[in-house]
N, C-alpha and C. Protein backbone atom coordinates (compact mmCIF):
# COMPACT_ATOMS: atom_id res chain seq x y z
N MET A 1 0.85 -1.15 0.00
CA MET A 1 0.00 0.00 0.00
C MET A 1 0.90 1.23 0.00
N THR A 2 0.62 2.15 -0.92
CA THR A 2 1.39 3.39 -1.01
C THR A 2 0.44 4.57 -0.93
N PHE A 3 0.69 5.44 0.05
CA PHE A 3 -0.13 6.64 0.23
C PHE A 3 0.48 7.80 -0.55
N HIS A 4 -0.36 8.52 -1.30
CA HIS A 4 0.06 9.73 -2.00
C HIS A 4 -0.84 10.87 -1.53
N ASN A 5 -0.57 12.08 -1.99
CA ASN A 5 -1.33 13.24 -1.57
C ASN A 5 -2.81 13.15 -1.94
N ARG A 6 -3.14 12.57 -3.08
CA ARG A 6 -4.53 12.53 -3.54
C ARG A 6 -5.08 11.13 -3.78
N ASP A 7 -4.28 10.10 -3.52
CA ASP A 7 -4.77 8.74 -3.73
C ASP A 7 -3.96 7.72 -2.92
N VAL A 8 -4.45 6.48 -2.95
CA VAL A 8 -3.79 5.35 -2.32
C VAL A 8 -3.67 4.26 -3.38
N VAL A 9 -2.46 3.72 -3.56
CA VAL A 9 -2.25 2.63 -4.49
C VAL A 9 -2.17 1.33 -3.68
N VAL A 10 -3.00 0.36 -4.07
CA VAL A 10 -3.09 -0.92 -3.36
C VAL A 10 -2.66 -2.02 -4.33
N GLN A 11 -1.70 -2.86 -3.89
CA GLN A 11 -1.20 -3.92 -4.75
C GLN A 11 -0.91 -5.16 -3.92
N GLY A 12 -1.26 -6.33 -4.42
CA GLY A 12 -0.98 -7.57 -3.73
C GLY A 12 -1.78 -8.71 -4.33
N SER A 13 -2.14 -9.69 -3.50
CA SER A 13 -2.95 -10.80 -3.96
C SER A 13 -3.71 -11.41 -2.79
N VAL A 14 -4.80 -12.09 -3.10
CA VAL A 14 -5.58 -12.82 -2.12
C VAL A 14 -5.66 -14.26 -2.62
N LYS A 15 -5.42 -15.23 -1.75
CA LYS A 15 -5.41 -16.65 -2.13
C LYS A 15 -6.49 -17.40 -1.36
N SER A 16 -7.22 -18.24 -2.08
CA SER A 16 -8.31 -18.99 -1.48
C SER A 16 -7.84 -20.36 -0.98
N HIS A 17 -8.67 -20.95 -0.12
CA HIS A 17 -8.50 -22.35 0.25
C HIS A 17 -9.01 -23.20 -0.90
N THR A 18 -8.72 -24.49 -0.88
CA THR A 18 -9.18 -25.36 -1.95
C THR A 18 -10.68 -25.60 -1.91
N THR A 19 -11.31 -25.39 -0.75
CA THR A 19 -12.73 -25.69 -0.62
C THR A 19 -13.63 -24.47 -0.52
N GLY A 20 -13.10 -23.30 -0.72
CA GLY A 20 -13.95 -22.12 -0.55
C GLY A 20 -13.37 -20.89 -1.18
N CYS A 21 -13.79 -19.74 -0.66
CA CYS A 21 -13.36 -18.44 -1.18
C CYS A 21 -12.71 -17.61 -0.08
N ALA A 22 -11.86 -16.69 -0.50
CA ALA A 22 -11.25 -15.72 0.40
C ALA A 22 -11.49 -14.34 -0.20
N GLN A 23 -11.70 -13.35 0.67
CA GLN A 23 -11.97 -11.99 0.19
C GLN A 23 -11.18 -11.00 1.02
N ALA A 24 -10.54 -10.06 0.33
CA ALA A 24 -9.87 -8.95 0.99
C ALA A 24 -10.73 -7.71 0.77
N LYS A 25 -11.05 -7.01 1.85
CA LYS A 25 -11.88 -5.81 1.80
C LYS A 25 -11.02 -4.63 2.23
N PHE A 26 -11.00 -3.56 1.44
CA PHE A 26 -10.19 -2.38 1.70
C PHE A 26 -11.12 -1.20 1.95
N GLU A 27 -11.01 -0.59 3.13
CA GLU A 27 -11.82 0.58 3.47
C GLU A 27 -10.88 1.76 3.69
N VAL A 28 -11.11 2.85 2.95
CA VAL A 28 -10.25 4.02 2.98
C VAL A 28 -10.93 5.12 3.80
N PHE A 29 -10.17 5.72 4.73
CA PHE A 29 -10.70 6.73 5.65
C PHE A 29 -9.93 8.04 5.50
N LEU A 30 -10.64 9.17 5.69
CA LEU A 30 -10.00 10.49 5.63
C LEU A 30 -9.45 10.92 6.97
N ASP A 31 -10.14 10.60 8.07
CA ASP A 31 -9.74 11.05 9.40
C ASP A 31 -9.85 9.91 10.40
N PHE A 32 -9.05 9.98 11.48
CA PHE A 32 -9.05 8.94 12.49
C PHE A 32 -10.34 8.86 13.31
N PRO A 33 -10.91 9.95 13.76
CA PRO A 33 -12.11 9.79 14.59
C PRO A 33 -13.33 9.29 13.81
N ASP A 34 -13.36 9.58 12.50
CA ASP A 34 -14.50 9.19 11.68
C ASP A 34 -14.32 7.76 11.18
N GLU A 35 -15.21 6.87 11.57
CA GLU A 35 -15.12 5.47 11.15
C GLU A 35 -16.05 5.14 10.00
N THR A 36 -16.33 6.14 9.16
CA THR A 36 -17.11 5.93 7.96
C THR A 36 -16.16 5.98 6.76
N PRO A 37 -15.98 4.85 6.07
CA PRO A 37 -15.04 4.86 4.94
C PRO A 37 -15.56 5.73 3.79
N VAL A 38 -14.63 6.41 3.12
CA VAL A 38 -15.01 7.20 1.95
C VAL A 38 -15.02 6.35 0.69
N LYS A 39 -14.28 5.26 0.70
CA LYS A 39 -14.24 4.33 -0.43
C LYS A 39 -14.06 2.91 0.12
N THR A 40 -14.68 1.95 -0.54
CA THR A 40 -14.52 0.53 -0.19
C THR A 40 -14.30 -0.26 -1.47
N GLU A 41 -13.31 -1.14 -1.46
CA GLU A 41 -13.02 -2.03 -2.58
C GLU A 41 -12.88 -3.44 -2.03
N THR A 42 -13.26 -4.45 -2.83
CA THR A 42 -13.05 -5.84 -2.43
C THR A 42 -12.41 -6.60 -3.59
N ARG A 43 -11.64 -7.64 -3.23
CA ARG A 43 -11.07 -8.56 -4.21
C ARG A 43 -11.29 -9.97 -3.66
N THR A 44 -11.76 -10.89 -4.52
CA THR A 44 -12.16 -12.23 -4.09
C THR A 44 -11.48 -13.29 -4.94
N ALA A 45 -11.08 -14.39 -4.29
CA ALA A 45 -10.54 -15.57 -4.98
C ALA A 45 -11.29 -16.80 -4.48
N CYS A 46 -11.70 -17.68 -5.40
CA CYS A 46 -12.44 -18.90 -5.02
C CYS A 46 -11.68 -20.14 -5.49
N GLY A 47 -11.60 -21.16 -4.61
CA GLY A 47 -10.79 -22.33 -4.83
C GLY A 47 -11.26 -23.28 -5.91
N ARG A 48 -12.52 -23.61 -5.89
CA ARG A 48 -13.08 -24.55 -6.86
C ARG A 48 -12.30 -25.87 -6.92
N GLY A 49 -11.83 -26.33 -5.72
CA GLY A 49 -11.15 -27.62 -5.65
C GLY A 49 -9.64 -27.58 -5.74
N THR A 50 -9.08 -26.44 -6.19
CA THR A 50 -7.62 -26.38 -6.35
C THR A 50 -6.97 -25.24 -5.59
N GLY A 51 -7.73 -24.24 -5.19
CA GLY A 51 -7.16 -23.04 -4.58
C GLY A 51 -6.69 -22.11 -5.68
N THR A 52 -7.05 -20.87 -5.61
CA THR A 52 -6.64 -19.90 -6.62
C THR A 52 -6.12 -18.64 -5.95
N SER A 53 -5.42 -17.86 -6.73
CA SER A 53 -4.90 -16.59 -6.25
C SER A 53 -5.37 -15.50 -7.20
N THR A 54 -5.82 -14.38 -6.65
CA THR A 54 -6.24 -13.24 -7.44
C THR A 54 -5.31 -12.08 -7.14
N ASP A 55 -4.57 -11.62 -8.15
CA ASP A 55 -3.70 -10.46 -8.00
C ASP A 55 -4.54 -9.20 -8.14
N TYR A 56 -4.11 -8.13 -7.49
CA TYR A 56 -4.80 -6.85 -7.65
C TYR A 56 -3.79 -5.72 -7.61
N HIS A 57 -4.11 -4.68 -8.33
CA HIS A 57 -3.34 -3.45 -8.37
C HIS A 57 -4.32 -2.36 -8.79
N PHE A 58 -4.72 -1.53 -7.84
CA PHE A 58 -5.68 -0.49 -8.15
C PHE A 58 -5.36 0.78 -7.36
N THR A 59 -5.90 1.89 -7.83
CA THR A 59 -5.71 3.19 -7.19
C THR A 59 -7.06 3.70 -6.71
N VAL A 60 -7.10 4.17 -5.47
CA VAL A 60 -8.30 4.77 -4.91
C VAL A 60 -8.06 6.27 -4.81
N GLY A 61 -8.77 7.05 -5.63
CA GLY A 61 -8.64 8.50 -5.60
C GLY A 61 -9.39 9.08 -4.41
N ILE A 62 -8.74 10.00 -3.69
CA ILE A 62 -9.31 10.57 -2.47
C ILE A 62 -9.57 12.07 -2.62
N GLY A 63 -8.65 12.78 -3.19
CA GLY A 63 -8.72 14.23 -3.26
C GLY A 63 -7.63 14.84 -2.40
N SER A 64 -7.59 16.13 -2.35
CA SER A 64 -6.54 16.86 -1.64
C SER A 64 -6.41 16.42 -0.18
N GLY A 65 -5.22 16.18 0.26
CA GLY A 65 -4.96 15.79 1.64
C GLY A 65 -4.76 14.30 1.82
N GLY A 66 -5.34 13.51 0.96
CA GLY A 66 -5.14 12.07 1.01
C GLY A 66 -5.86 11.38 2.15
N ALA A 67 -5.62 10.09 2.27
CA ALA A 67 -6.27 9.25 3.28
C ALA A 67 -5.46 9.23 4.56
N SER A 68 -6.14 9.08 5.69
CA SER A 68 -5.45 8.95 6.98
C SER A 68 -5.04 7.51 7.22
N HIS A 69 -5.90 6.56 6.80
CA HIS A 69 -5.59 5.14 6.98
C HIS A 69 -6.49 4.27 6.11
N VAL A 70 -6.07 3.03 5.95
CA VAL A 70 -6.84 2.03 5.22
C VAL A 70 -6.98 0.81 6.11
N ARG A 71 -8.21 0.33 6.26
CA ARG A 71 -8.43 -0.90 7.02
C ARG A 71 -8.60 -2.05 6.03
N VAL A 72 -7.80 -3.10 6.21
CA VAL A 72 -7.88 -4.29 5.37
C VAL A 72 -8.48 -5.41 6.21
N THR A 73 -9.55 -6.01 5.71
CA THR A 73 -10.22 -7.11 6.41
C THR A 73 -10.18 -8.34 5.52
N LEU A 74 -9.80 -9.48 6.10
CA LEU A 74 -9.79 -10.74 5.38
C LEU A 74 -10.98 -11.58 5.84
N LEU A 75 -11.74 -12.07 4.87
CA LEU A 75 -12.92 -12.90 5.12
C LEU A 75 -12.74 -14.22 4.38
N GLU A 76 -13.38 -15.29 4.88
CA GLU A 76 -13.37 -16.55 4.15
C GLU A 76 -14.77 -17.13 4.11
N ASN A 77 -15.01 -17.95 3.10
CA ASN A 77 -16.32 -18.56 2.92
C ASN A 77 -16.11 -20.01 2.48
N THR A 78 -16.27 -20.93 3.41
CA THR A 78 -16.14 -22.36 3.10
C THR A 78 -17.46 -23.09 3.32
N THR A 79 -18.46 -22.39 3.87
CA THR A 79 -19.74 -23.04 4.20
C THR A 79 -20.93 -22.31 3.61
N GLY A 80 -20.71 -21.32 2.75
CA GLY A 80 -21.81 -20.54 2.19
C GLY A 80 -22.04 -19.22 2.90
N THR A 81 -21.30 -18.97 3.98
CA THR A 81 -21.42 -17.73 4.74
C THR A 81 -20.04 -17.12 4.94
N TRP A 82 -19.94 -15.80 4.73
CA TRP A 82 -18.65 -15.12 4.94
C TRP A 82 -18.35 -15.06 6.42
N ARG A 83 -17.09 -15.38 6.79
CA ARG A 83 -16.64 -15.37 8.17
C ARG A 83 -15.40 -14.48 8.29
N PHE A 84 -15.38 -13.64 9.33
CA PHE A 84 -14.26 -12.76 9.62
C PHE A 84 -13.02 -13.59 9.98
N VAL A 85 -11.86 -13.23 9.42
CA VAL A 85 -10.60 -13.89 9.74
C VAL A 85 -9.67 -12.94 10.48
N LYS A 86 -9.43 -11.76 9.89
CA LYS A 86 -8.47 -10.82 10.47
C LYS A 86 -8.68 -9.43 9.88
N SER A 87 -8.35 -8.41 10.67
CA SER A 87 -8.45 -7.04 10.21
C SER A 87 -7.22 -6.27 10.71
N GLU A 88 -6.73 -5.37 9.88
CA GLU A 88 -5.57 -4.56 10.26
C GLU A 88 -5.67 -3.19 9.60
N ALA A 89 -5.28 -2.15 10.33
CA ALA A 89 -5.28 -0.79 9.78
C ALA A 89 -3.86 -0.41 9.40
N LEU A 90 -3.73 0.17 8.21
CA LEU A 90 -2.45 0.67 7.74
C LEU A 90 -2.52 2.19 7.74
N LEU A 91 -1.58 2.82 8.44
CA LEU A 91 -1.63 4.26 8.65
C LEU A 91 -0.78 5.01 7.65
N ASN A 92 -1.27 6.18 7.26
CA ASN A 92 -0.50 7.10 6.42
C ASN A 92 0.39 7.90 7.34
N SER A 93 1.67 7.58 7.40
CA SER A 93 2.58 8.23 8.33
C SER A 93 2.74 9.72 8.08
N ASP A 94 2.46 10.19 6.87
CA ASP A 94 2.53 11.63 6.58
C ASP A 94 1.41 12.40 7.23
N ARG A 95 0.31 11.71 7.62
CA ARG A 95 -0.82 12.39 8.24
C ARG A 95 -0.79 12.32 9.77
N LEU A 96 0.18 11.59 10.35
CA LEU A 96 0.23 11.44 11.81
C LEU A 96 0.68 12.72 12.50
């Protein structure tokens, strides 16, 4: 993840289990006290018996001042229902 003045560049991959799907959810925030994301993106990979990987590289435009942080949440679905796995916030050190 790379923070710029007017956008955030997100690059990586999400890999599924052989029996289900995995999803990475990216929520972009302007300020720390406000927990309402200004943009949300998701990327999903489904195994279909072999396990797959989905690469991603996208830019989220924010506007002047840029984002304060991005929360990344990993979800999995092996039973027909999405289940929370892990969440982590990545901070824009220029805004601290």
